[in-house]
Amino acid sequence: MAEVLSQSQIDALINSMAGGGNVEEPQKEEKKYKKYDFYSPKKFTKDKLKMLLGIYENYARLASSRINSLARVACQMDVLTVEEQRYYEFSNALNDNDVLTLIDVKIPDGSAQTPIVLHASNQLMLCMIDRMLGGIGDGVEEVMVSYTYTDIELSLYENIMGYLVPIMKDGWINFMNLNFAIDKIETNPSMMQKIGRDETIVIVVLEVEIGTVTGKINICLPGSFLTNVFKIFEKKPEKAAQEEDAAQGIFDGIKETTMEIKAELGNSQILLKDLFGLQVGDVISLNQPKDSDVFLYIEGEPWFKGQLGKSNKNMAVKINEICEKM
C-alpha cells in the first residue's frame, strides 16, 4: 500500500517544486515531558499547592509594602513558583556561606512543628542593608555567592527578618490563625539538621525587585508542618456541622417553652389627684396617633412593631417589622 503523505509533507513538496529545490523533511515538533519519580510520589495535590500560592501572593503584597517603608524605595515582590521537592534538593543548592532564617510556627492544636526555613539572596539582603545604612542600594549585583556577612551585617539581617517574618501570619489569616516568630539565624546551612534530607517539602520562590536590584526569597515549608495544617483545615467543615447540629438540638429542646407577649398601645403620665378623680366614661390620652405602630414586647423586651386590628373577632396585632432594642 502506498504511503499517505501528511499535510505538512504535501506543503513542503509543493514549496520545493515551486522553488526548484530539494524536498526537506518537515521537522517534527519535539514533545516535552516531565519526569515523575514513582519511588517518591507527590504528597500534596494541585489544589493544596494552589492554596499555598494564594497565601503567599497575599504575603508578597504585605512584604513588599513593608520593604517599601523599611528601605524607602519602591519594591515589587511576586511569587514565581510553588513546587514540591525533597529537602536535599533545596539544601544542595545552598552555599556554605548562605544565611538561613529558621522560623518557629505555632498552630491551633499546640503541637510542636518543624521550623520553616527562609533563605534570601545576598544581593537582595545587602541592598536592603545598604539602604538602612543610608546608601542607595546599587552596586551589589556583582556580589559573589560566597560572600560572608560581617557581625554588623548579620545583626541588620536579623532586624530585617524581624519585619518580614511576623507578617506571614497575615498571609495565612484567611485560612488559619498561625503565629510566626524567628527561632534562629543560621550562618552554616550544613548545621541545619531539623529537617530530614529525604523529607518532602514545598518551596515557595519569591522574586523581589528593589530599584535596579533583583533577588529571590526561598521559603521552605516542611511536609510535616503542612500535613498538620491541612489536617486541621480539613476538619473545619466537620466542626462547623457539629456546631450547627448542637445549636439545632438546643433550639429543639427549648422551642416548647412558653413566653409572655405584651402589646403596648401607648403610654401616658397623670397626676395622682387626677387618678383619684377618674370616672366611668373618662378618656385618657396615650400620646399616640390613631394609626401609629404598636410595640410587641417578649418577656419585657421590645421585638416587633405592628398594626392594631382584628382577627376572628379578637383584637390582634399584625407584625410589620423587627424593631431595634429600646
C-alpha atoms as a PDB file:
ATOM      1  CA  MET A   1       0.000   0.000   0.000  1.00  0.00           C
ATOM      2  CA  ALA A   2       1.378   3.435  -0.943  1.00  0.00           C
ATOM      3  CA  GLU A   3       2.397   5.733   1.900  1.00  0.00           C
ATOM      4  CA  VAL A   4      -0.038   8.553   2.508  1.00  0.00           C
ATOM      5  CA  LEU A   5       1.614  11.979   2.868  1.00  0.00           C
ATOM      6  CA  SER A   6       0.663  14.285   5.694  1.00  0.00           C
ATOM      7  CA  GLN A   7      -0.482  17.860   5.002  1.00  0.00           C
ATOM      8  CA  SER A   8       2.875  19.280   6.146  1.00  0.00           C
ATOM      9  CA  GLN A   9       4.724  16.912   3.749  1.00  0.00           C
ATOM     10  CA  ILE A  10       2.435  17.924   0.861  1.00  0.00           C
ATOM     11  CA  ASP A  11       3.070  21.631   1.600  1.00  0.00           C
ATOM     12  CA  ALA A  12       6.829  21.033   1.701  1.00  0.00           C
ATOM     13  CA  LEU A  13       6.693  19.165  -1.650  1.00  0.00           C
ATOM     14  CA  ILE A  14       4.715  21.971  -3.342  1.00  0.00           C
ATOM     15  CA  ASN A  15       7.062  24.649  -1.974  1.00  0.00           C
ATOM     16  CA  SER A  16      10.089  22.639  -3.147  1.00  0.00           C
ATOM     17  CA  MET A  17       8.713  22.243  -6.686  1.00  0.00           C
ATOM     18  CA  ALA A  18       7.872  25.958  -6.860  1.00  0.00           C
ATOM     19  CA  GLY A  19      11.373  26.924  -5.745  1.00  0.00           C
ATOM     20  CA  GLY A  20      13.216  24.266  -7.709  1.00  0.00           C
ATOM     21  CA  GLY A  21      14.989  22.991  -4.639  1.00  0.00           C
ATOM     22  CA  ASN A  22      15.149  19.730  -2.796  1.00  0.00           C
ATOM     23  CA  VAL A  23      12.355  18.455  -0.665  1.00  0.00           C
ATOM     24  CA  GLU A  24      13.143  18.840   3.017  1.00  0.00           C
ATOM     25  CA  GLU A  25      11.609  16.661   5.602  1.00  0.00           C
ATOM     26  CA  PRO A  26       9.481  18.799   7.915  1.00  0.00           C
ATOM     27  CA  GLN A  27      10.882  18.904  11.399  1.00  0.00           C
ATOM     28  CA  LYS A  28       8.769  17.167  13.929  1.00  0.00           C
ATOM     29  CA  GLU A  29       7.823  19.161  16.949  1.00  0.00           C
ATOM     30  CA  GLU A  30       9.633  17.769  19.927  1.00  0.00           C
ATOM     31  CA  LYS A  31       7.338  16.899  22.792  1.00  0.00           C
ATOM     32  CA  LYS A  32       8.391  17.941  26.263  1.00  0.00           C
ATOM     33  CA  TYR A  33       7.966  15.530  29.109  1.00  0.00           C
ATOM     34  CA  LYS A  34       8.349  15.984  32.835  1.00  0.00           C
ATOM     35  CA  LYS A  35       9.985  13.171  34.756  1.00  0.00           C
ATOM     36  CA  TYR A  36       7.933  11.598  37.530  1.00  0.00           C
ATOM     37  CA  ASP A  37       9.571   9.586  40.285  1.00  0.00           C
ATOM     38  CA  PHE A  38       7.265   6.692  41.173  1.00  0.00           C
ATOM     39  CA  TYR A  39       9.518   5.768  44.103  1.00  0.00           C
ATOM     40  CA  SER A  40       8.674   9.084  45.780  1.00  0.00           C
ATOM     41  CA  PRO A  41       5.173  10.122  44.624  1.00  0.00           C
ATOM     42  CA  LYS A  42       3.827  13.608  45.205  1.00  0.00           C
ATOM     43  CA  LYS A  43       2.404  14.158  48.668  1.00  0.00           C
ATOM     44  CA  PHE A  44       0.341  17.314  48.102  1.00  0.00           C
ATOM     45  CA  THR A  45      -2.360  17.786  45.492  1.00  0.00           C
ATOM     46  CA  LYS A  46      -2.527  20.641  42.995  1.00  0.00           C
ATOM     47  CA  ASP A  47      -5.393  22.176  44.980  1.00  0.00           C
ATOM     48  CA  LYS A  48      -3.237  22.372  48.094  1.00  0.00           C
ATOM     49  CA  LEU A  49      -0.345  23.894  46.162  1.00  0.00           C
ATOM     50  CA  LYS A  50      -2.791  26.395  44.651  1.00  0.00           C
ATOM     51  CA  MET A  51      -3.947  27.261  48.165  1.00  0.00           C
ATOM     52  CA  LEU A  52      -0.327  27.917  49.195  1.00  0.00           C
ATOM     53  CA  LEU A  53       0.112  30.053  46.078  1.00  0.00           C
ATOM     54  CA  GLY A  54      -2.788  32.261  47.154  1.00  0.00           C
ATOM     55  CA  ILE A  55      -1.451  32.506  50.714  1.00  0.00           C
ATOM     56  CA  TYR A  56       1.995  33.636  49.629  1.00  0.00           C
ATOM     57  CA  GLU A  57       0.646  36.000  46.992  1.00  0.00           C
ATOM     58  CA  ASN A  58      -1.065  37.772  49.905  1.00  0.00           C
ATOM     59  CA  TYR A  59       2.193  37.621  51.857  1.00  0.00           C
ATOM     60  CA  ALA A  60       4.136  39.049  48.890  1.00  0.00           C
ATOM     61  CA  ARG A  61       1.873  42.118  48.803  1.00  0.00           C
ATOM     62  CA  LEU A  62       2.269  42.664  52.544  1.00  0.00           C
ATOM     63  CA  ALA A  63       6.039  42.098  52.481  1.00  0.00           C
ATOM     64  CA  SER A  64       6.595  44.451  49.528  1.00  0.00           C
ATOM     65  CA  SER A  65       4.712  47.167  51.403  1.00  0.00           C
ATOM     66  CA  ARG A  66       6.848  46.548  54.485  1.00  0.00           C
ATOM     67  CA  ILE A  67      10.074  46.743  52.446  1.00  0.00           C
ATOM     68  CA  ASN A  68       8.837  49.976  50.841  1.00  0.00           C
ATOM     69  CA  SER A  69       8.666  51.645  54.241  1.00  0.00           C
ATOM     70  CA  LEU A  70      11.816  49.975  55.591  1.00  0.00           C
ATOM     71  CA  ALA A  71      14.173  50.674  52.651  1.00  0.00           C
ATOM     72  CA  ARG A  72      12.408  53.853  51.461  1.00  0.00           C
ATOM     73  CA  VAL A  73      12.358  52.622  47.886  1.00  0.00           C
ATOM     74  CA  ALA A  74       9.805  51.085  45.507  1.00  0.00           C
ATOM     75  CA  CYS A  75       9.684  47.316  45.863  1.00  0.00           C
ATOM     76  CA  GLN A  76       7.904  44.690  43.744  1.00  0.00           C
ATOM     77  CA  MET A  77       7.517  41.133  45.046  1.00  0.00           C
ATOM     78  CA  ASP A  78       5.909  38.277  43.094  1.00  0.00           C
ATOM     79  CA  VAL A  79       5.510  34.534  43.572  1.00  0.00           C
ATOM     80  CA  LEU A  80       7.490  32.694  40.883  1.00  0.00           C
ATOM     81  CA  THR A  81       6.823  29.057  41.754  1.00  0.00           C
ATOM     82  CA  VAL A  82       5.267  26.835  44.403  1.00  0.00           C
ATOM     83  CA  GLU A  83       6.777  23.394  43.952  1.00  0.00           C
ATOM     84  CA  GLU A  84       7.040  20.158  45.907  1.00  0.00           C
ATOM     85  CA  GLN A  85      10.571  18.801  46.341  1.00  0.00           C
ATOM     86  CA  ARG A  86      12.798  16.818  48.654  1.00  0.00           C
ATOM     87  CA  TYR A  87      14.792  18.752  51.218  1.00  0.00           C
ATOM     88  CA  TYR A  88      18.130  17.580  49.822  1.00  0.00           C
ATOM     89  CA  GLU A  89      17.286  19.315  46.509  1.00  0.00           C
ATOM     90  CA  PHE A  90      16.915  22.580  48.414  1.00  0.00           C
ATOM     91  CA  SER A  91      19.973  22.089  50.659  1.00  0.00           C
ATOM     92  CA  ASN A  92      22.248  21.030  47.764  1.00  0.00           C
ATOM     93  CA  ALA A  93      21.590  24.372  46.061  1.00  0.00           C
ATOM     94  CA  LEU A  94      22.847  26.311  49.103  1.00  0.00           C
ATOM     95  CA  ASN A  95      26.408  27.586  49.523  1.00  0.00           C
ATOM     96  CA  ASP A  96      28.469  27.159  52.669  1.00  0.00           C
ATOM     97  CA  ASN A  97      28.243  30.890  53.468  1.00  0.00           C
ATOM     98  CA  ASP A  98      24.492  31.267  52.936  1.00  0.00           C
ATOM     99  CA  VAL A  99      22.424  32.508  55.868  1.00  0.00           C
ATOM    100  CA  LEU A 100      19.171  30.760  56.789  1.00  0.00           C
ATOM    101  CA  THR A 101      16.349  32.078  58.951  1.00  0.00           C
ATOM    102  CA  LEU A 102      14.617  29.367  60.988  1.00  0.00           C
ATOM    103  CA  ILE A 103      11.003  30.303  61.715  1.00  0.00           C
ATOM    104  CA  ASP A 104       9.084  28.828  64.627  1.00  0.00           C
ATOM    105  CA  VAL A 105       5.372  28.235  63.913  1.00  0.00           C
ATOM    106  CA  LYS A 106       2.566  27.812  66.417  1.00  0.00           C
ATOM    107  CA  ILE A 107      -0.583  26.139  65.094  1.00  0.00           C
ATOM    108  CA  PRO A 108      -4.025  25.944  66.798  1.00  0.00           C
ATOM    109  CA  ASP A 109      -3.621  22.377  68.119  1.00  0.00           C
ATOM    110  CA  GLY A 110      -0.469  23.410  70.033  1.00  0.00           C
ATOM    111  CA  SER A 111       1.730  20.614  68.658  1.00  0.00           C
ATOM    112  CA  ALA A 112       5.466  21.156  68.102  1.00  0.00           C
ATOM    113  CA  GLN A 113       6.355  21.849  64.482  1.00  0.00           C
ATOM    114  CA  THR A 114       9.437  21.546  62.309  1.00  0.00           C
ATOM    115  CA  PRO A 115      10.675  25.105  61.659  1.00  0.00           C
ATOM    116  CA  ILE A 116      10.130  26.829  58.340  1.00  0.00           C
ATOM    117  CA  VAL A 117      13.379  27.781  56.568  1.00  0.00           C
ATOM    118  CA  LEU A 118      13.732  31.100  54.755  1.00  0.00           C
ATOM    119  CA  HIS A 119      16.673  31.934  52.501  1.00  0.00           C
ATOM    120  CA  ALA A 120      17.231  35.322  50.858  1.00  0.00           C
ATOM    121  CA  SER A 121      19.827  36.001  48.157  1.00  0.00           C
ATOM    122  CA  ASN A 122      22.917  38.025  49.089  1.00  0.00           C
ATOM    123  CA  GLN A 123      22.193  40.739  46.508  1.00  0.00           C
ATOM    124  CA  LEU A 124      18.746  41.358  47.971  1.00  0.00           C
ATOM    125  CA  MET A 125      19.807  41.454  51.625  1.00  0.00           C
ATOM    126  CA  LEU A 126      22.907  43.585  51.016  1.00  0.00           C
ATOM    127  CA  CYS A 127      20.793  46.050  49.040  1.00  0.00           C
ATOM    128  CA  MET A 128      18.386  46.450  51.978  1.00  0.00           C
ATOM    129  CA  ILE A 129      21.243  46.656  54.494  1.00  0.00           C
ATOM    130  CA  ASP A 130      22.894  49.364  52.371  1.00  0.00           C
ATOM    131  CA  ARG A 131      19.606  51.281  52.238  1.00  0.00           C
ATOM    132  CA  MET A 132      19.186  51.018  56.023  1.00  0.00           C
ATOM    133  CA  LEU A 133      22.688  52.484  56.497  1.00  0.00           C
ATOM    134  CA  GLY A 134      21.880  55.458  54.264  1.00  0.00           C
ATOM    135  CA  GLY A 135      23.218  54.145  50.941  1.00  0.00           C
ATOM    136  CA  ILE A 136      21.419  53.919  47.632  1.00  0.00           C
ATOM    137  CA  GLY A 137      21.462  50.119  47.441  1.00  0.00           C
ATOM    138  CA  ASP A 138      23.056  49.905  43.984  1.00  0.00           C
ATOM    139  CA  GLY A 139      26.299  48.167  43.090  1.00  0.00           C
ATOM    140  CA  VAL A 140      25.531  44.817  44.730  1.00  0.00           C
ATOM    141  CA  GLU A 141      24.716  42.920  41.514  1.00  0.00           C
ATOM    142  CA  GLU A 142      28.276  41.597  41.277  1.00  0.00           C
ATOM    143  CA  VAL A 143      28.487  40.304  44.865  1.00  0.00           C
ATOM    144  CA  MET A 144      29.916  36.796  44.930  1.00  0.00           C
ATOM    145  CA  VAL A 145      27.648  33.985  46.085  1.00  0.00           C
ATOM    146  CA  SER A 146      30.383  33.052  48.589  1.00  0.00           C
ATOM    147  CA  TYR A 147      30.141  36.470  50.284  1.00  0.00           C
ATOM    148  CA  THR A 148      30.441  36.279  54.088  1.00  0.00           C
ATOM    149  CA  TYR A 149      28.359  38.637  56.221  1.00  0.00           C
ATOM    150  CA  THR A 150      30.056  40.676  58.928  1.00  0.00           C
ATOM    151  CA  ASP A 151      28.726  40.684  62.504  1.00  0.00           C
ATOM    152  CA  ILE A 152      27.114  44.099  61.972  1.00  0.00           C
ATOM    153  CA  GLU A 153      25.504  42.927  58.728  1.00  0.00           C
ATOM    154  CA  LEU A 154      24.182  39.802  60.479  1.00  0.00           C
ATOM    155  CA  SER A 155      22.608  41.968  63.168  1.00  0.00           C
ATOM    156  CA  LEU A 156      20.927  44.106  60.489  1.00  0.00           C
ATOM    157  CA  TYR A 157      19.966  40.924  58.612  1.00  0.00           C
ATOM    158  CA  GLU A 158      18.096  39.677  61.696  1.00  0.00           C
ATOM    159  CA  ASN A 159      16.499  43.096  62.121  1.00  0.00           C
ATOM    160  CA  ILE A 160      15.116  42.954  58.569  1.00  0.00           C
ATOM    161  CA  MET A 161      13.769  39.448  59.120  1.00  0.00           C
ATOM    162  CA  GLY A 162      12.076  40.745  62.253  1.00  0.00           C
ATOM    163  CA  TYR A 163       9.921  42.845  59.922  1.00  0.00           C
ATOM    164  CA  LEU A 164       9.262  40.164  57.283  1.00  0.00           C
ATOM    165  CA  VAL A 165       8.604  37.046  59.392  1.00  0.00           C
ATOM    166  CA  PRO A 166       5.708  38.054  61.727  1.00  0.00           C
ATOM    167  CA  ILE A 167       3.559  39.398  58.855  1.00  0.00           C
ATOM    168  CA  MET A 168       3.483  35.878  57.408  1.00  0.00           C
ATOM    169  CA  LYS A 169       0.606  35.413  59.850  1.00  0.00           C
ATOM    170  CA  ASP A 170      -1.473  37.924  57.868  1.00  0.00           C
ATOM    171  CA  GLY A 171      -0.941  35.912  54.680  1.00  0.00           C
ATOM    172  CA  TRP A 172      -2.395  32.811  56.395  1.00  0.00           C
ATOM    173  CA  ILE A 173      -5.153  34.582  58.335  1.00  0.00           C
ATOM    174  CA  ASN A 174      -7.928  33.790  55.806  1.00  0.00           C
ATOM    175  CA  PHE A 175      -7.253  30.066  56.224  1.00  0.00           C
ATOM    176  CA  MET A 176      -5.884  29.593  59.727  1.00  0.00           C
ATOM    177  CA  ASN A 177      -4.604  31.534  62.710  1.00  0.00           C
ATOM    178  CA  LEU A 178      -0.870  30.784  62.841  1.00  0.00           C
ATOM    179  CA  ASN A 179       1.882  32.643  64.702  1.00  0.00           C
ATOM    180  CA  PHE A 180       5.359  33.026  63.183  1.00  0.00           C
ATOM    181  CA  ALA A 181       8.499  34.071  65.070  1.00  0.00           C
ATOM    182  CA  ILE A 182      12.234  33.927  64.366  1.00  0.00           C
ATOM    183  CA  ASP A 183      13.799  30.913  66.060  1.00  0.00           C
ATOM    184  CA  LYS A 184      17.397  31.329  64.913  1.00  0.00           C
ATOM    185  CA  ILE A 185      19.652  32.870  62.266  1.00  0.00           C
ATOM    186  CA  GLU A 186      21.825  30.014  60.968  1.00  0.00           C
ATOM    187  CA  THR A 187      25.087  31.002  59.283  1.00  0.00           C
ATOM    188  CA  ASN A 188      26.095  27.454  58.387  1.00  0.00           C
ATOM    189  CA  PRO A 189      23.462  25.618  56.277  1.00  0.00           C
ATOM    190  CA  SER A 190      25.181  22.257  56.790  1.00  0.00           C
ATOM    191  CA  MET A 191      24.441  22.511  60.521  1.00  0.00           C
ATOM    192  CA  MET A 192      20.697  22.784  59.936  1.00  0.00           C
ATOM    193  CA  GLN A 193      19.517  19.223  60.582  1.00  0.00           C
ATOM    194  CA  LYS A 194      15.991  19.785  61.857  1.00  0.00           C
ATOM    195  CA  ILE A 195      14.574  18.619  58.513  1.00  0.00           C
ATOM    196  CA  GLY A 196      15.473  15.180  57.167  1.00  0.00           C
ATOM    197  CA  ARG A 197      17.248  15.104  53.817  1.00  0.00           C
ATOM    198  CA  ASP A 198      14.533  12.925  52.252  1.00  0.00           C
ATOM    199  CA  GLU A 199      11.596  14.781  53.821  1.00  0.00           C
ATOM    200  CA  THR A 200       9.030  16.199  51.418  1.00  0.00           C
ATOM    201  CA  ILE A 201       8.927  19.984  51.397  1.00  0.00           C
ATOM    202  CA  VAL A 202       7.211  22.727  49.410  1.00  0.00           C
ATOM    203  CA  ILE A 203       9.432  25.521  48.089  1.00  0.00           C
ATOM    204  CA  VAL A 204       7.862  28.938  47.559  1.00  0.00           C
ATOM    205  CA  VAL A 205      10.094  31.162  45.409  1.00  0.00           C
ATOM    206  CA  LEU A 206       9.517  34.920  45.603  1.00  0.00           C
ATOM    207  CA  GLU A 207      11.169  37.316  43.176  1.00  0.00           C
ATOM    208  CA  VAL A 208      11.927  40.737  44.665  1.00  0.00           C
ATOM    209  CA  GLU A 209      12.848  43.900  42.752  1.00  0.00           C
ATOM    210  CA  ILE A 210      14.221  46.829  44.745  1.00  0.00           C
ATOM    211  CA  GLY A 211      15.175  49.628  42.388  1.00  0.00           C
ATOM    212  CA  THR A 212      17.699  48.125  39.968  1.00  0.00           C
ATOM    213  CA  VAL A 213      18.453  45.105  42.184  1.00  0.00           C
ATOM    214  CA  THR A 214      16.665  41.792  41.706  1.00  0.00           C
ATOM    215  CA  GLY A 215      16.881  38.909  44.159  1.00  0.00           C
ATOM    216  CA  LYS A 216      14.948  35.902  45.407  1.00  0.00           C
ATOM    217  CA  ILE A 217      13.495  34.736  48.691  1.00  0.00           C
ATOM    218  CA  ASN A 218      13.039  30.972  49.054  1.00  0.00           C
ATOM    219  CA  ILE A 219      10.609  29.733  51.707  1.00  0.00           C
ATOM    220  CA  CYS A 220      10.951  26.048  52.616  1.00  0.00           C
ATOM    221  CA  LEU A 221       7.740  24.616  54.123  1.00  0.00           C
ATOM    222  CA  PRO A 222       8.354  21.180  55.732  1.00  0.00           C
ATOM    223  CA  GLY A 223       5.954  18.407  54.781  1.00  0.00           C
ATOM    224  CA  SER A 224       5.225  17.523  58.423  1.00  0.00           C
ATOM    225  CA  PHE A 225       4.123  21.095  59.131  1.00  0.00           C
ATOM    226  CA  LEU A 226       1.884  21.240  56.031  1.00  0.00           C
ATOM    227  CA  THR A 227       0.353  17.832  56.816  1.00  0.00           C
ATOM    228  CA  ASN A 228      -0.708  19.024  60.282  1.00  0.00           C
ATOM    229  CA  VAL A 229      -2.027  22.326  58.925  1.00  0.00           C
ATOM    230  CA  PHE A 230      -4.071  20.687  56.149  1.00  0.00           C
ATOM    231  CA  LYS A 231      -5.418  18.109  58.617  1.00  0.00           C
ATOM    232  CA  ILE A 232      -6.761  20.897  60.851  1.00  0.00           C
ATOM    233  CA  PHE A 233      -8.092  22.829  57.866  1.00  0.00           C
ATOM    234  CA  GLU A 234      -9.978  19.816  56.515  1.00  0.00           C
ATOM    235  CA  LYS A 235     -11.652  19.234  59.910  1.00  0.00           C
ATOM    236  CA  LYS A 236     -13.169  22.723  59.950  1.00  0.00           C
ATOM    237  CA  PRO A 237     -16.313  21.831  57.891  1.00  0.00           C
ATOM    238  CA  GLU A 238     -16.978  18.868  60.221  1.00  0.00           C
ATOM    239  CA  LYS A 239     -16.636  21.108  63.258  1.00  0.00           C
ATOM    240  CA  ALA A 240     -18.984  23.699  61.749  1.00  0.00           C
ATOM    241  CA  ALA A 241     -21.560  20.974  61.021  1.00  0.00           C
ATOM    242  CA  GLN A 242     -21.280  19.685  64.607  1.00  0.00           C
ATOM    243  CA  GLU A 243     -21.817  23.190  65.996  1.00  0.00           C
ATOM    244  CA  GLU A 244     -24.849  23.643  63.740  1.00  0.00           C
ATOM    245  CA  ASP A 245     -26.307  20.319  64.916  1.00  0.00           C
ATOM    246  CA  ALA A 246     -25.691  21.312  68.540  1.00  0.00           C
ATOM    247  CA  ALA A 247     -27.446  24.665  68.001  1.00  0.00           C
ATOM    248  CA  GLN A 248     -30.400  22.895  66.395  1.00  0.00           C
ATOM    249  CA  GLY A 249     -30.541  20.461  69.333  1.00  0.00           C
ATOM    250  CA  ILE A 250     -30.644  23.331  71.812  1.00  0.00           C
ATOM    251  CA  PHE A 251     -33.441  25.003  69.846  1.00  0.00           C
ATOM    252  CA  ASP A 252     -35.459  21.774  69.684  1.00  0.00           C
ATOM    253  CA  GLY A 253     -35.180  21.486  73.470  1.00  0.00           C
ATOM    254  CA  ILE A 254     -36.451  24.986  74.237  1.00  0.00           C
ATOM    255  CA  LYS A 255     -38.929  25.664  71.430  1.00  0.00           C
ATOM    256  CA  GLU A 256     -41.871  24.408  73.529  1.00  0.00           C
ATOM    257  CA  THR A 257     -41.134  26.937  76.268  1.00  0.00           C
ATOM    258  CA  THR A 258     -43.969  29.404  76.911  1.00  0.00           C
ATOM    259  CA  MET A 259     -43.193  33.131  76.699  1.00  0.00           C
ATOM    260  CA  GLU A 260     -45.243  36.183  77.619  1.00  0.00           C
ATOM    261  CA  ILE A 261     -46.062  38.636  74.804  1.00  0.00           C
ATOM    262  CA  LYS A 262     -47.480  42.096  75.504  1.00  0.00           C
ATOM    263  CA  ALA A 263     -48.725  44.699  73.040  1.00  0.00           C
ATOM    264  CA  GLU A 264     -48.216  48.305  74.118  1.00  0.00           C
ATOM    265  CA  LEU A 265     -50.715  50.699  72.588  1.00  0.00           C
ATOM    266  CA  GLY A 266     -49.104  53.782  74.126  1.00  0.00           C
ATOM    267  CA  ASN A 267     -48.263  55.409  77.463  1.00  0.00           C
ATOM    268  CA  SER A 268     -49.204  58.460  79.431  1.00  0.00           C
ATOM    269  CA  GLN A 269     -48.473  60.138  82.766  1.00  0.00           C
ATOM    270  CA  ILE A 270     -51.130  61.620  85.047  1.00  0.00           C
ATOM    271  CA  LEU A 271     -51.129  63.186  88.482  1.00  0.00           C
ATOM    272  CA  LEU A 272     -52.211  61.158  91.487  1.00  0.00           C
ATOM    273  CA  LYS A 273     -55.076  63.585  92.217  1.00  0.00           C
ATOM    274  CA  ASP A 274     -56.323  63.091  88.607  1.00  0.00           C
ATOM    275  CA  LEU A 275     -56.172  59.308  89.081  1.00  0.00           C
ATOM    276  CA  PHE A 276     -58.480  59.557  92.128  1.00  0.00           C
ATOM    277  CA  GLY A 277     -60.860  61.749  90.128  1.00  0.00           C
ATOM    278  CA  LEU A 278     -61.331  59.348  87.201  1.00  0.00           C
ATOM    279  CA  GLN A 279     -64.893  58.236  86.497  1.00  0.00           C
ATOM    280  CA  VAL A 280     -66.538  55.766  84.106  1.00  0.00           C
ATOM    281  CA  GLY A 281     -66.587  57.297  80.630  1.00  0.00           C
ATOM    282  CA  ASP A 282     -63.472  59.464  81.116  1.00  0.00           C
ATOM    283  CA  VAL A 283     -60.877  59.337  78.305  1.00  0.00           C
ATOM    284  CA  ILE A 284     -57.121  59.091  78.863  1.00  0.00           C
ATOM    285  CA  SER A 285     -54.815  60.205  76.002  1.00  0.00           C
ATOM    286  CA  LEU A 286     -51.991  57.718  75.184  1.00  0.00           C
ATOM    287  CA  ASN A 287     -49.972  60.366  73.307  1.00  0.00           C
ATOM    288  CA  GLN A 288     -50.016  58.282  70.131  1.00  0.00           C
ATOM    289  CA  PRO A 289     -51.670  58.949  66.728  1.00  0.00           C
ATOM    290  CA  LYS A 290     -54.655  56.750  65.909  1.00  0.00           C
ATOM    291  CA  ASP A 291     -52.846  54.618  63.281  1.00  0.00           C
ATOM    292  CA  SER A 292     -49.401  54.561  64.950  1.00  0.00           C
ATOM    293  CA  ASP A 293     -47.346  51.377  65.365  1.00  0.00           C
ATOM    294  CA  VAL A 294     -47.924  49.058  68.296  1.00  0.00           C
ATOM    295  CA  PHE A 295     -44.868  47.636  70.070  1.00  0.00           C
ATOM    296  CA  LEU A 296     -44.812  43.936  70.911  1.00  0.00           C
ATOM    297  CA  TYR A 297     -42.783  43.005  73.996  1.00  0.00           C
ATOM    298  CA  ILE A 298     -41.500  39.454  74.547  1.00  0.00           C
ATOM    299  CA  GLU A 299     -40.538  38.827  78.163  1.00  0.00           C
ATOM    300  CA  GLY A 300     -40.289  42.583  78.657  1.00  0.00           C
ATOM    301  CA  GLU A 301     -38.016  43.210  75.647  1.00  0.00           C
ATOM    302  CA  PRO A 302     -39.256  45.063  72.507  1.00  0.00           C
ATOM    303  CA  TRP A 303     -39.037  42.753  69.473  1.00  0.00           C
ATOM    304  CA  PHE A 304     -41.594  43.807  66.868  1.00  0.00           C
ATOM    305  CA  LYS A 305     -43.617  46.734  65.540  1.00  0.00           C
ATOM    306  CA  GLY A 306     -47.101  46.074  64.242  1.00  0.00           C
ATOM    307  CA  GLN A 307     -50.535  47.443  63.399  1.00  0.00           C
ATOM    308  CA  LEU A 308     -53.585  47.033  65.641  1.00  0.00           C
ATOM    309  CA  GLY A 309     -56.529  45.190  64.111  1.00  0.00           C
ATOM    310  CA  LYS A 310     -58.943  42.246  64.458  1.00  0.00           C
ATOM    311  CA  SER A 311     -58.681  38.515  63.777  1.00  0.00           C
ATOM    312  CA  ASN A 312     -61.746  36.267  64.179  1.00  0.00           C
ATOM    313  CA  LYS A 313     -63.493  38.954  66.297  1.00  0.00           C
ATOM    314  CA  ASN A 314     -60.454  39.196  68.577  1.00  0.00           C
ATOM    315  CA  MET A 315     -58.075  42.091  68.998  1.00  0.00           C
ATOM    316  CA  ALA A 316     -54.809  41.346  67.137  1.00  0.00           C
ATOM    317  CA  VAL A 317     -51.534  42.921  66.047  1.00  0.00           C
ATOM    318  CA  LYS A 318     -50.158  42.431  62.540  1.00  0.00           C
ATOM    319  CA  ILE A 319     -46.299  42.398  62.667  1.00  0.00           C
ATOM    320  CA  ASN A 320     -44.746  44.823  60.187  1.00  0.00           C
ATOM    321  CA  GLU A 321     -41.065  44.871  61.163  1.00  0.00           C
ATOM    322  CA  ILE A 322     -38.482  43.823  63.711  1.00  0.00           C
ATOM    323  CA  CYS A 323     -37.589  46.714  65.992  1.00  0.00           C
ATOM    324  CA  GLU A 324     -34.225  47.527  67.500  1.00  0.00           C
ATOM    325  CA  LYS A 325     -33.619  47.270  71.226  1.00  0.00           C
ATOM    326  CA  MET A 326     -35.030  50.244  73.038  1.00  0.00           C
END
